[in-house]
PDB file of all heavy atoms in Angstrom:
ATOM      1  N   ARG A   1     100.595 107.785 106.970  1.00  0.00           N
ATOM      2  CA  ARG A   1     100.059 106.458 107.139  1.00  0.00           C
ATOM      3  C   ARG A   1     100.253 105.647 105.907  1.00  0.00           C
ATOM      4  O   ARG A   1     100.186 106.126 104.781  1.00  0.00           O
ATOM      5  CB  ARG A   1      98.575 106.579 107.449  1.00  0.00           C
ATOM      6  CG  ARG A   1      98.131 107.224 108.822  1.00  0.00           C
ATOM      7  CD  ARG A   1      96.738 107.264 109.045  1.00  0.00           C
ATOM      8  NE  ARG A   1      96.103 108.142 108.058  1.00  0.00           N
ATOM      9  CZ  ARG A   1      94.856 108.102 107.646  1.00  0.00           C
ATOM     10  NH1 ARG A   1      94.036 107.178 108.092  1.00  0.00           N
ATOM     11  NH2 ARG A   1      94.432 108.891 106.751  1.00  0.00           N
ATOM     12  N   GLN A   2     100.473 104.315 106.063  1.00  0.00           N
ATOM     13  CA  GLN A   2     100.710 103.439 104.960  1.00  0.00           C
ATOM     14  C   GLN A   2      99.478 102.636 104.678  1.00  0.00           C
ATOM     15  O   GLN A   2      98.818 102.192 105.589  1.00  0.00           O
ATOM     16  CB  GLN A   2     101.838 102.510 105.296  1.00  0.00           C
ATOM     17  CG  GLN A   2     103.189 103.315 105.568  1.00  0.00           C
ATOM     18  CD  GLN A   2     104.250 102.317 106.115  1.00  0.00           C
ATOM     19  OE1 GLN A   2     104.057 101.221 106.565  1.00  0.00           O
ATOM     20  NE2 GLN A   2     105.505 102.704 105.995  1.00  0.00           N
ATOM     21  N   VAL A   3      99.287 102.405 103.324  1.00  0.00           N
ATOM     22  CA  VAL A   3      98.153 101.578 102.904  1.00  0.00           C
ATOM     23  C   VAL A   3      98.864 100.282 102.460  1.00  0.00           C
ATOM     24  O   VAL A   3      99.636 100.257 101.561  1.00  0.00           O
ATOM     25  CB  VAL A   3      97.357 102.246 101.767  1.00  0.00           C
ATOM     26  CG1 VAL A   3      96.301 101.293 101.194  1.00  0.00           C
ATOM     27  CG2 VAL A   3      96.777 103.593 102.180  1.00  0.00           C
ATOM     28  N   TRP A   4      98.430  99.168 103.088  1.00  0.00           N
ATOM     29  CA  TRP A   4      98.985  97.893 102.787  1.00  0.00           C
ATOM     30  C   TRP A   4      98.035  97.031 102.025  1.00  0.00           C
ATOM     31  O   TRP A   4      96.787  97.061 102.317  1.00  0.00           O
ATOM     32  CB  TRP A   4      99.335  97.141 104.136  1.00  0.00           C
ATOM     33  CG  TRP A   4     100.445  97.761 104.812  1.00  0.00           C
ATOM     34  CD1 TRP A   4     100.491  98.897 105.516  1.00  0.00           C
ATOM     35  CD2 TRP A   4     101.810  97.143 104.896  1.00  0.00           C
ATOM     36  NE1 TRP A   4     101.854  99.133 106.036  1.00  0.00           N
ATOM     37  CE2 TRP A   4     102.587  98.034 105.663  1.00  0.00           C
ATOM     38  CE3 TRP A   4     102.385  96.065 104.426  1.00  0.00           C
ATOM     39  CZ2 TRP A   4     103.933  97.850 105.992  1.00  0.00           C
ATOM     40  CZ3 TRP A   4     103.758  95.816 104.607  1.00  0.00           C
ATOM     41  CH2 TRP A   4     104.493  96.705 105.412  1.00  0.00           C
ATOM     42  N   VAL A   5      98.527  96.192 101.088  1.00  0.00           N
ATOM     43  CA  VAL A   5      97.597  95.279 100.347  1.00  0.00           C
ATOM     44  C   VAL A   5      98.253  93.902 100.340  1.00  0.00           C
ATOM     45  O   VAL A   5      99.551  93.737 100.422  1.00  0.00           O
ATOM     46  CB  VAL A   5      97.315  95.744  98.956  1.00  0.00           C
ATOM     47  CG1 VAL A   5      96.441  97.012  98.944  1.00  0.00           C
ATOM     48  CG2 VAL A   5      98.605  96.043  98.184  1.00  0.00           C
ATOM     49  N   LEU A   6      97.515  92.850  99.988  1.00  0.00           N
ATOM     50  CA  LEU A   6      98.124  91.524  99.929  1.00  0.00           C
ATOM     51  C   LEU A   6      98.830  91.377  98.574  1.00  0.00           C
ATOM     52  O   LEU A   6      98.382  91.910  97.540  1.00  0.00           O
ATOM     53  CB  LEU A   6      96.972  90.477  99.905  1.00  0.00           C
ATOM     54  CG  LEU A   6      96.255  90.254 101.284  1.00  0.00           C
ATOM     55  CD1 LEU A   6      95.190  89.272 101.072  1.00  0.00           C
ATOM     56  CD2 LEU A   6      97.245  89.761 102.255  1.00  0.00           C
ATOM     57  N   THR A   7      99.881  90.605  98.503  1.00  0.00           N
ATOM     58  CA  THR A   7     100.596  90.325  97.283  1.00  0.00           C
ATOM     59  C   THR A   7      99.724  89.147  96.657  1.00  0.00           C
ATOM     60  O   THR A   7      98.778  88.643  97.295  1.00  0.00           O
ATOM     61  CB  THR A   7     101.937  89.737  97.588  1.00  0.00           C
ATOM     62  OG1 THR A   7     101.830  88.600  98.444  1.00  0.00           O
ATOM     63  CG2 THR A   7     102.831  90.813  98.241  1.00  0.00           C
ATOM     64  N   ALA A   8     100.107  88.714  95.409  1.00  0.00           N
ATOM     65  CA  ALA A   8      99.391  87.717  94.743  1.00  0.00           C
ATOM     66  C   ALA A   8      99.413  86.429  95.567  1.00  0.00           C
ATOM     67  O   ALA A   8      98.408  85.815  95.637  1.00  0.00           O
ATOM     68  CB  ALA A   8      99.963  87.467  93.358  1.00  0.00           C
ATOM     69  N   ARG A   9     100.520  86.139  96.131  1.00  0.00           N
ATOM     70  CA  ARG A   9     100.646  84.951  96.961  1.00  0.00           C
ATOM     71  C   ARG A   9      99.802  85.042  98.193  1.00  0.00           C
ATOM     72  O   ARG A   9      99.058  84.106  98.506  1.00  0.00           O
ATOM     73  CB  ARG A   9     102.078  84.720  97.321  1.00  0.00           C
ATOM     74  CG  ARG A   9     102.273  83.507  98.130  1.00  0.00           C
ATOM     75  CD  ARG A   9     103.730  83.188  98.535  1.00  0.00           C
ATOM     76  NE  ARG A   9     103.825  82.103  99.404  1.00  0.00           N
ATOM     77  CZ  ARG A   9     104.836  81.742 100.038  1.00  0.00           C
ATOM     78  NH1 ARG A   9     106.036  82.377  99.867  1.00  0.00           N
ATOM     79  NH2 ARG A   9     104.823  80.693 100.863  1.00  0.00           N
ATOM     80  N   GLY A  10      99.854  86.129  98.855  1.00  0.00           N
ATOM     81  CA  GLY A  10      99.059  86.389 100.004  1.00  0.00           C
ATOM     82  C   GLY A  10      97.505  86.275  99.662  1.00  0.00           C
ATOM     83  O   GLY A  10      96.663  85.727 100.462  1.00  0.00           O
ATOM     84  N   HIS A  11      97.141  86.701  98.548  1.00  0.00           N
ATOM     85  CA  HIS A  11      95.759  86.753  98.095  1.00  0.00           C
ATOM     86  C   HIS A  11      95.358  85.239  97.912  1.00  0.00           C
ATOM     87  O   HIS A  11      94.190  84.904  98.315  1.00  0.00           O
ATOM     88  CB  HIS A  11      95.503  87.515  96.764  1.00  0.00           C
ATOM     89  CG  HIS A  11      94.139  87.857  96.372  1.00  0.00           C
ATOM     90  ND1 HIS A  11      93.442  87.058  95.578  1.00  0.00           N
ATOM     91  CD2 HIS A  11      93.305  88.796  96.876  1.00  0.00           C
ATOM     92  CE1 HIS A  11      92.258  87.554  95.458  1.00  0.00           C
ATOM     93  NE2 HIS A  11      92.075  88.608  96.222  1.00  0.00           N
ATOM     94  N   ARG A  12      96.182  84.464  97.230  1.00  0.00           N
ATOM     95  CA  ARG A  12      95.818  83.028  96.973  1.00  0.00           C
ATOM     96  C   ARG A  12      95.626  82.338  98.329  1.00  0.00           C
ATOM     97  O   ARG A  12      94.723  81.503  98.518  1.00  0.00           O
ATOM     98  CB  ARG A  12      96.873  82.383  96.153  1.00  0.00           C
ATOM     99  CG  ARG A  12      96.798  82.649  94.659  1.00  0.00           C
ATOM    100  CD  ARG A  12      97.752  81.754  93.901  1.00  0.00           C
ATOM    101  NE  ARG A  12      99.107  81.858  94.270  1.00  0.00           N
ATOM    102  CZ  ARG A  12     100.070  82.719  93.989  1.00  0.00           C
ATOM    103  NH1 ARG A  12      99.757  83.618  93.111  1.00  0.00           N
ATOM    104  NH2 ARG A  12     101.324  82.625  94.468  1.00  0.00           N
ATOM    105  N   GLU A  13      96.542  82.611  99.345  1.00  0.00           N
ATOM    106  CA  GLU A  13      96.495  81.939 100.627  1.00  0.00           C
ATOM    107  C   GLU A  13      95.209  82.343 101.412  1.00  0.00           C
ATOM    108  O   GLU A  13      94.678  81.579 102.011  1.00  0.00           O
ATOM    109  CB  GLU A  13      97.758  82.308 101.412  1.00  0.00           C
ATOM    110  CG  GLU A  13      99.021  81.641 100.913  1.00  0.00           C
ATOM    111  CD  GLU A  13      99.061  80.192 100.851  1.00  0.00           C
ATOM    112  OE1 GLU A  13      98.650  79.613 101.869  1.00  0.00           O
ATOM    113  OE2 GLU A  13      99.601  79.571  99.893  1.00  0.00           O
ATOM    114  N   ALA A  14      94.894  83.658 101.271  1.00  0.00           N
ATOM    115  CA  ALA A  14      93.685  84.152 102.040  1.00  0.00           C
ATOM    116  C   ALA A  14      92.486  83.519 101.525  1.00  0.00           C
ATOM    117  O   ALA A  14      91.543  83.259 102.300  1.00  0.00           O
ATOM    118  CB  ALA A  14      93.670  85.621 101.972  1.00  0.00           C
ATOM    119  N   LYS A  15      92.379  83.257 100.201  1.00  0.00           N
ATOM    120  CA  LYS A  15      91.189  82.668  99.589  1.00  0.00           C
ATOM    121  C   LYS A  15      91.032  81.266 100.072  1.00  0.00           C
ATOM    122  O   LYS A  15      89.866  80.732  99.983  1.00  0.00           O
ATOM    123  CB  LYS A  15      91.169  82.741  98.122  1.00  0.00           C
ATOM    124  CG  LYS A  15      91.067  84.161  97.611  1.00  0.00           C
ATOM    125  CD  LYS A  15      90.904  84.234  96.014  1.00  0.00           C
ATOM    126  CE  LYS A  15      89.580  83.790  95.589  1.00  0.00           C
ATOM    127  NZ  LYS A  15      88.531  84.711  95.415  1.00  0.00           N
ATOM    128  N   LYS A  16      92.033  80.601 100.489  1.00  0.00           N
ATOM    129  CA  LYS A  16      91.941  79.218 101.090  1.00  0.00           C
ATOM    130  C   LYS A  16      91.224  79.205 102.390  1.00  0.00           C
ATOM    131  O   LYS A  16      90.705  78.130 102.827  1.00  0.00           O
ATOM    132  CB  LYS A  16      93.226  78.508 101.112  1.00  0.00           C
ATOM    133  CG  LYS A  16      93.891  78.299  99.862  1.00  0.00           C
ATOM    134  CD  LYS A  16      95.225  77.697  99.934  1.00  0.00           C
ATOM    135  CE  LYS A  16      96.011  77.525  98.646  1.00  0.00           C
ATOM    136  NZ  LYS A  16      97.386  77.034  98.875  1.00  0.00           N
ATOM    137  N   LEU A  17      91.351  80.275 103.172  1.00  0.00           N
ATOM    138  CA  LEU A  17      90.748  80.340 104.502  1.00  0.00           C
ATOM    139  C   LEU A  17      89.247  80.550 104.437  1.00  0.00           C
ATOM    140  O   LEU A  17      88.730  81.225 103.546  1.00  0.00           O
ATOM    141  CB  LEU A  17      91.339  81.484 105.282  1.00  0.00           C
ATOM    142  CG  LEU A  17      92.926  81.446 105.468  1.00  0.00           C
ATOM    143  CD1 LEU A  17      93.463  82.664 106.042  1.00  0.00           C
ATOM    144  CD2 LEU A  17      93.287  80.300 106.329  1.00  0.00           C
ATOM    145  N   PRO A  18      88.553  80.085 105.468  1.00  0.00           N
ATOM    146  CA  PRO A  18      87.097  80.301 105.561  1.00  0.00           C
ATOM    147  C   PRO A  18      86.873  81.824 105.799  1.00  0.00           C
ATOM    148  O   PRO A  18      87.559  82.388 106.554  1.00  0.00           O
ATOM    149  CB  PRO A  18      86.609  79.484 106.752  1.00  0.00           C
ATOM    150  CG  PRO A  18      87.813  79.062 107.463  1.00  0.00           C
ATOM    151  CD  PRO A  18      89.012  79.243 106.512  1.00  0.00           C
ATOM    152  N   GLU A  19      85.969  82.383 104.979  1.00  0.00           N
ATOM    153  CA  GLU A  19      85.661  83.822 105.159  1.00  0.00           C
ATOM    154  C   GLU A  19      84.808  84.055 106.341  1.00  0.00           C
ATOM    155  O   GLU A  19      83.795  83.451 106.560  1.00  0.00           O
ATOM    156  CB  GLU A  19      85.031  84.363 103.872  1.00  0.00           C
ATOM    157  CG  GLU A  19      85.921  84.272 102.633  1.00  0.00           C
ATOM    158  CD  GLU A  19      85.230  84.846 101.425  1.00  0.00           C
ATOM    159  OE1 GLU A  19      84.240  85.528 101.529  1.00  0.00           O
ATOM    160  OE2 GLU A  19      85.722  84.629 100.362  1.00  0.00           O
ATOM    161  N   PRO A  20      85.177  85.068 107.223  1.00  0.00           N
ATOM    162  CA  PRO A  20      84.302  85.433 108.334  1.00  0.00           C
ATOM    163  C   PRO A  20      82.920  85.901 107.788  1.00  0.00           C
ATOM    164  O   PRO A  20      82.825  86.577 106.776  1.00  0.00           O
ATOM    165  CB  PRO A  20      85.075  86.628 108.986  1.00  0.00           C
ATOM    166  CG  PRO A  20      86.445  86.362 108.493  1.00  0.00           C
ATOM    167  CD  PRO A  20      86.407  85.846 107.158  1.00  0.00           C
ATOM    168  N   LYS A  21      81.894  85.730 108.547  1.00  0.00           N
ATOM    169  CA  LYS A  21      80.519  86.172 108.156  1.00  0.00           C
ATOM    170  C   LYS A  21      80.520  87.601 107.928  1.00  0.00           C
ATOM    171  O   LYS A  21      80.971  88.486 108.769  1.00  0.00           O
ATOM    172  CB  LYS A  21      79.558  85.744 109.240  1.00  0.00           C
ATOM    173  CG  LYS A  21      78.133  85.979 108.788  1.00  0.00           C
ATOM    174  CD  LYS A  21      77.140  85.473 109.796  1.00  0.00           C
ATOM    175  CE  LYS A  21      75.731  85.687 109.255  1.00  0.00           C
ATOM    176  NZ  LYS A  21      74.837  85.120 110.263  1.00  0.00           N
ATOM    177  N   GLY A  22      80.063  88.075 106.753  1.00  0.00           N
ATOM    178  CA  GLY A  22      79.862  89.453 106.539  1.00  0.00           C
ATOM    179  C   GLY A  22      81.109  90.269 105.902  1.00  0.00           C
ATOM    180  O   GLY A  22      81.134  91.332 105.691  1.00  0.00           O
ATOM    181  N   ILE A  23      82.244  89.395 105.743  1.00  0.00           N
ATOM    182  CA  ILE A  23      83.541  90.027 105.287  1.00  0.00           C
ATOM    183  C   ILE A  23      83.891  89.150 104.054  1.00  0.00           C
ATOM    184  O   ILE A  23      83.996  87.891 104.156  1.00  0.00           O
ATOM    185  CB  ILE A  23      84.551  89.909 106.374  1.00  0.00           C
ATOM    186  CG1 ILE A  23      84.220  90.815 107.511  1.00  0.00           C
ATOM    187  CG2 ILE A  23      85.902  90.454 105.777  1.00  0.00           C
ATOM    188  CD1 ILE A  23      85.199  90.728 108.668  1.00  0.00           C
ATOM    189  N   ARG A  24      84.391  89.763 103.017  1.00  0.00           N
ATOM    190  CA  ARG A  24      84.927  89.128 101.892  1.00  0.00           C
ATOM    191  C   ARG A  24      86.192  89.531 101.503  1.00  0.00           C
ATOM    192  O   ARG A  24      86.656  90.649 101.747  1.00  0.00           O
ATOM    193  CB  ARG A  24      83.884  89.242 100.691  1.00  0.00           C
ATOM    194  CG  ARG A  24      83.790  90.627 100.166  1.00  0.00           C
ATOM    195  CD  ARG A  24      82.813  90.650  99.049  1.00  0.00           C
ATOM    196  NE  ARG A  24      82.609  91.947  98.492  1.00  0.00           N
ATOM    197  CZ  ARG A  24      83.467  92.468  97.597  1.00  0.00           C
ATOM    198  NH1 ARG A  24      84.397  91.856  97.145  1.00  0.00           N
ATOM    199  NH2 ARG A  24      83.232  93.718  97.212  1.00  0.00           N
ATOM    200  N   ILE A  25      87.050  88.747 100.735  1.00  0.00           N
ATOM    201  CA  ILE A  25      88.302  89.149 100.342  1.00  0.00           C
ATOM    202  C   ILE A  25      88.167  89.988  99.037  1.00  0.00           C
ATOM    203  O   ILE A  25      87.489  89.602  98.168  1.00  0.00           O
ATOM    204  CB  ILE A  25      89.203  87.853 100.074  1.00  0.00           C
ATOM    205  CG1 ILE A  25      89.314  87.048 101.360  1.00  0.00           C
ATOM    206  CG2 ILE A  25      90.505  88.276  99.421  1.00  0.00           C
ATOM    207  CD1 ILE A  25      89.951  85.721 101.108  1.00  0.00           C
ATOM    208  N   SER A  26      88.886  91.153  99.036  1.00  0.00           N
ATOM    209  CA  SER A  26      88.788  92.041  97.982  1.00  0.00           C
ATOM    210  C   SER A  26      89.527  91.415  96.788  1.00  0.00           C
ATOM    211  O   SER A  26      90.361  90.473  96.951  1.00  0.00           O
ATOM    212  CB  SER A  26      89.336  93.419  98.292  1.00  0.00           C
ATOM    213  OG  SER A  26      90.694  93.281  98.564  1.00  0.00           O
ATOM    214  N   VAL A  27      89.340  91.903  95.624  1.00  0.00           N
ATOM    215  CA  VAL A  27      89.999  91.446  94.420  1.00  0.00           C
ATOM    216  C   VAL A  27      91.443  91.875  94.459  1.00  0.00           C
ATOM    217  O   VAL A  27      91.841  92.811  95.180  1.00  0.00           O
ATOM    218  CB  VAL A  27      89.403  92.112  93.034  1.00  0.00           C
ATOM    219  CG1 VAL A  27      87.977  91.641  92.889  1.00  0.00           C
ATOM    220  CG2 VAL A  27      89.460  93.587  93.047  1.00  0.00           C
ATOM    221  N   LEU A  28      92.296  91.106  93.737  1.00  0.00           N
ATOM    222  CA  LEU A  28      93.729  91.439  93.803  1.00  0.00           C
ATOM    223  C   LEU A  28      94.016  92.676  92.924  1.00  0.00           C
ATOM    224  O   LEU A  28      93.529  92.744  91.774  1.00  0.00           O
ATOM    225  CB  LEU A  28      94.463  90.231  93.215  1.00  0.00           C
ATOM    226  CG  LEU A  28      95.983  90.323  93.030  1.00  0.00           C
ATOM    227  CD1 LEU A  28      96.625  90.463  94.390  1.00  0.00           C
ATOM    228  CD2 LEU A  28      96.532  89.152  92.383  1.00  0.00           C
ATOM    229  N   ARG A  29      94.753  93.584  93.432  1.00  0.00           N
ATOM    230  CA  ARG A  29      95.193  94.777  92.779  1.00  0.00           C
ATOM    231  C   ARG A  29      96.629  94.630  92.351  1.00  0.00           C
ATOM    232  O   ARG A  29      97.539  94.602  93.208  1.00  0.00           O
ATOM    233  CB  ARG A  29      94.943  96.038  93.559  1.00  0.00           C
ATOM    234  CG  ARG A  29      93.531  96.236  93.822  1.00  0.00           C
ATOM    235  CD  ARG A  29      93.219  97.541  94.566  1.00  0.00           C
ATOM    236  NE  ARG A  29      93.900  97.587  95.887  1.00  0.00           N
ATOM    237  CZ  ARG A  29      93.631  98.470  96.732  1.00  0.00           C
ATOM    238  NH1 ARG A  29      92.816  99.379  96.640  1.00  0.00           N
ATOM    239  NH2 ARG A  29      94.256  98.476  97.870  1.00  0.00           N
ATOM    240  N   LYS A  30      96.924  94.425  91.098  1.00  0.00           N
ATOM    241  CA  LYS A  30      98.237  94.123  90.648  1.00  0.00           C
ATOM    242  C   LYS A  30      99.052  95.462  90.600  1.00  0.00           C
ATOM    243  O   LYS A  30      98.531  96.509  90.267  1.00  0.00           O
ATOM    244  CB  LYS A  30      98.180  93.435  89.215  1.00  0.00           C
ATOM    245  CG  LYS A  30      97.571  92.097  89.325  1.00  0.00           C
ATOM    246  CD  LYS A  30      97.647  91.399  87.893  1.00  0.00           C
ATOM    247  CE  LYS A  30      96.991  90.121  88.061  1.00  0.00           C
ATOM    248  NZ  LYS A  30      96.965  89.391  86.782  1.00  0.00           N
ATOM    249  N   GLU A  31     100.419  95.351  90.872  1.00  0.00           N
ATOM    250  CA  GLU A  31     101.277  96.446  90.646  1.00  0.00           C
ATOM    251  C   GLU A  31     101.348  96.824  89.135  1.00  0.00           C
ATOM    252  O   GLU A  31     101.518  95.919  88.272  1.00  0.00           O
ATOM    253  CB  GLU A  31     102.591  96.151  91.195  1.00  0.00           C
ATOM    254  CG  GLU A  31     102.572  95.961  92.659  1.00  0.00           C
ATOM    255  CD  GLU A  31     103.936  95.480  93.240  1.00  0.00           C
ATOM    256  OE1 GLU A  31     104.503  94.570  92.752  1.00  0.00           O
ATOM    257  OE2 GLU A  31     104.491  96.342  94.113  1.00  0.00           O
ATOM    258  N   GLU A  32     101.428  98.094  88.779  1.00  0.00           N
ATOM    259  CA  GLU A  32     101.499  98.526  87.375  1.00  0.00           C
ATOM    260  C   GLU A  32     102.706  99.449  87.377  1.00  0.00           C
ATOM    261  O   GLU A  32     102.931 100.371  88.238  1.00  0.00           O
ATOM    262  CB  GLU A  32     100.268  99.275  86.879  1.00  0.00           C
ATOM    263  CG  GLU A  32      99.105  98.307  86.851  1.00  0.00           C
ATOM    264  CD  GLU A  32      97.771  99.097  86.411  1.00  0.00           C
ATOM    265  OE1 GLU A  32      97.901 100.257  86.036  1.00  0.00           O
ATOM    266  OE2 GLU A  32      96.773  98.459  86.320  1.00  0.00           O
ATOM    267  N   TYR A  33     103.563  99.317  86.366  1.00  0.00           N
ATOM    268  CA  TYR A  33     104.730 100.098  86.210  1.00  0.00           C
ATOM    269  C   TYR A  33     104.729 100.922  84.994  1.00  0.00           C
ATOM    270  O   TYR A  33     104.170 100.528  83.932  1.00  0.00           O
ATOM    271  CB  TYR A  33     105.970  99.095  86.155  1.00  0.00           C
ATOM    272  CG  TYR A  33     106.220  98.418  87.445  1.00  0.00           C
ATOM    273  CD1 TYR A  33     105.648  97.160  87.707  1.00  0.00           C
ATOM    274  CD2 TYR A  33     107.017  99.011  88.424  1.00  0.00           C
ATOM    275  CE1 TYR A  33     105.857  96.504  88.907  1.00  0.00           C
ATOM    276  CE2 TYR A  33     107.214  98.301  89.735  1.00  0.00           C
ATOM    277  CZ  TYR A  33     106.592  97.016  89.852  1.00  0.00           C
ATOM    278  OH  TYR A  33     106.755  96.417  91.111  1.00  0.00           O
ATOM    279  N   ASP A  34     105.307 102.201  85.025  1.00  0.00           N
ATOM    280  CA  ASP A  34     105.484 103.000  83.925  1.00  0.00           C
ATOM    281  C   ASP A  34     106.305 102.339  82.889  1.00  0.00           C
ATOM    282  O   ASP A  34     107.427 101.959  83.212  1.00  0.00           O
ATOM    283  CB  ASP A  34     106.010 104.405  84.238  1.00  0.00           C
ATOM    284  CG  ASP A  34     105.979 105.278  83.161  1.00  0.00           C
ATOM    285  OD1 ASP A  34     106.666 105.080  82.139  1.00  0.00           O
ATOM    286  OD2 ASP A  34     105.274 106.404  83.314  1.00  0.00           O
ATOM    287  N   PRO A  35     105.839 102.202  81.559  1.00  0.00           N
ATOM    288  CA  PRO A  35     106.678 101.501  80.546  1.00  0.00           C
ATOM    289  C   PRO A  35     107.866 102.220  80.214  1.00  0.00           C
ATOM    290  O   PRO A  35     108.904 101.657  79.692  1.00  0.00           O
ATOM    291  CB  PRO A  35     105.667 101.342  79.408  1.00  0.00           C
ATOM    292  CG  PRO A  35     104.634 102.387  79.576  1.00  0.00           C
ATOM    293  CD  PRO A  35     104.532 102.548  81.050  1.00  0.00           C
ATOM    294  N   VAL A  36     107.923 103.589  80.340  1.00  0.00           N
ATOM    295  CA  VAL A  36     109.126 104.383  80.054  1.00  0.00           C
ATOM    296  C   VAL A  36     110.085 104.447  81.147  1.00  0.00           C
ATOM    297  O   VAL A  36     111.271 104.092  80.964  1.00  0.00           O
ATOM    298  CB  VAL A  36     108.700 105.778  79.607  1.00  0.00           C
ATOM    299  CG1 VAL A  36     109.929 106.613  79.263  1.00  0.00           C
ATOM    300  CG2 VAL A  36     107.762 105.687  78.398  1.00  0.00           C
ATOM    301  N   THR A  37     109.633 104.819  82.342  1.00  0.00           N
ATOM    302  CA  THR A  37     110.576 105.015  83.513  1.00  0.00           C
ATOM    303  C   THR A  37     110.754 103.745  84.291  1.00  0.00           C
ATOM    304  O   THR A  37     111.715 103.637  85.044  1.00  0.00           O
ATOM    305  CB  THR A  37     110.129 106.168  84.339  1.00  0.00           C
ATOM    306  OG1 THR A  37     108.849 105.785  84.878  1.00  0.00           O
ATOM    307  CG2 THR A  37     109.932 107.427  83.569  1.00  0.00           C
ATOM    308  N   GLY A  38     109.758 102.796  84.275  1.00  0.00           N
ATOM    309  CA  GLY A  38     109.843 101.649  85.075  1.00  0.00           C
ATOM    310  C   GLY A  38     109.386 101.933  86.534  1.00  0.00           C
ATOM    311  O   GLY A  38     109.483 100.983  87.323  1.00  0.00           O
ATOM    312  N   GLU A  39     108.912 103.103  86.819  1.00  0.00           N
ATOM    313  CA  GLU A  39     108.481 103.501  88.178  1.00  0.00           C
ATOM    314  C   GLU A  39     107.138 102.847  88.484  1.00  0.00           C
ATOM    315  O   GLU A  39     106.227 102.730  87.561  1.00  0.00           O
ATOM    316  CB  GLU A  39     108.453 104.993  88.324  1.00  0.00           C
ATOM    317  CG  GLU A  39     109.779 105.682  88.303  1.00  0.00           C
ATOM    318  CD  GLU A  39     109.554 107.197  88.654  1.00  0.00           C
ATOM    319  OE1 GLU A  39     108.601 107.639  89.121  1.00  0.00           O
ATOM    320  OE2 GLU A  39     110.612 107.925  88.308  1.00  0.00           O
ATOM    321  N   LEU A  40     106.864 102.542  89.749  1.00  0.00           N
ATOM    322  CA  LEU A  40     105.596 101.976  90.075  1.00  0.00           C
ATOM    323  C   LEU A  40     104.467 103.127  90.002  1.00  0.00           C
ATOM    324  O   LEU A  40     104.659 104.154  90.516  1.00  0.00           O
ATOM    325  CB  LEU A  40     105.723 101.466  91.594  1.00  0.00           C
ATOM    326  CG  LEU A  40     104.476 100.821  92.174  1.00  0.00           C
ATOM    327  CD1 LEU A  40     104.106  99.599  91.381  1.00  0.00           C
ATOM    328  CD2 LEU A  40     104.631 100.509  93.646  1.00  0.00           C
ATOM    329  N   LEU A  41     103.454 102.685  89.365  1.00  0.00           N
ATOM    330  CA  LEU A  41     102.283 103.635  89.208  1.00  0.00           C
ATOM    331  C   LEU A  41     101.331 103.242  90.270  1.00  0.00           C
ATOM    332  O   LEU A  41     101.432 102.195  90.919  1.00  0.00           O
ATOM    333  CB  LEU A  41     101.569 103.372  87.830  1.00  0.00           C
ATOM    334  CG  LEU A  41     102.517 103.684  86.578  1.00  0.00           C
ATOM    335  CD1 LEU A  41     101.804 103.209  85.275  1.00  0.00           C
ATOM    336  CD2 LEU A  41     102.863 105.157  86.568  1.00  0.00           C
ATOM    337  N   GLY A  42     100.263 104.059  90.397  1.00  0.00           N
ATOM    338  CA  GLY A  42      99.155 103.639  91.235  1.00  0.00           C
ATOM    339  C   GLY A  42      98.543 102.403  90.785  1.00  0.00           C
ATOM    340  O   GLY A  42      98.515 102.115  89.644  1.00  0.00           O
ATOM    341  N   THR A  43      97.946 101.701  91.716  1.00  0.00           N
ATOM    342  CA  THR A  43      97.329 100.389  91.385  1.00  0.00           C
ATOM    343  C   THR A  43      95.850 100.625  91.157  1.00  0.00           C
ATOM    344  O   THR A  43      95.197 101.533  91.690  1.00  0.00           O
ATOM    345  CB  THR A  43      97.564  99.368  92.405  1.00  0.00           C
ATOM    346  OG1 THR A  43      97.162  99.844  93.619  1.00  0.00           O
ATOM    347  CG2 THR A  43      99.042  98.981  92.469  1.00  0.00           C
ATOM    348  N   GLY A  44      95.203  99.823  90.408  1.00  0.00           N
ATOM    349  CA  GLY A  44      93.833  99.932  90.044  1.00  0.00           C
ATOM    350  C   GLY A  44      92.955  99.014  90.832  1.00  0.00           C
ATOM    351  O   GLY A  44      93.246  98.280  91.740  1.00  0.00           O
TER     352      GLY A  44
END
């Protein structure tokens, strides 16, 4: 199963929309890369 998240652009666009009652937009989780290998690390 894949876990999908919004990109920075998608997050900005979603914040412009009215929020449904009882649901909020989560904080943006930025991609982090290993400084040595350049591989994508887990996001925080």
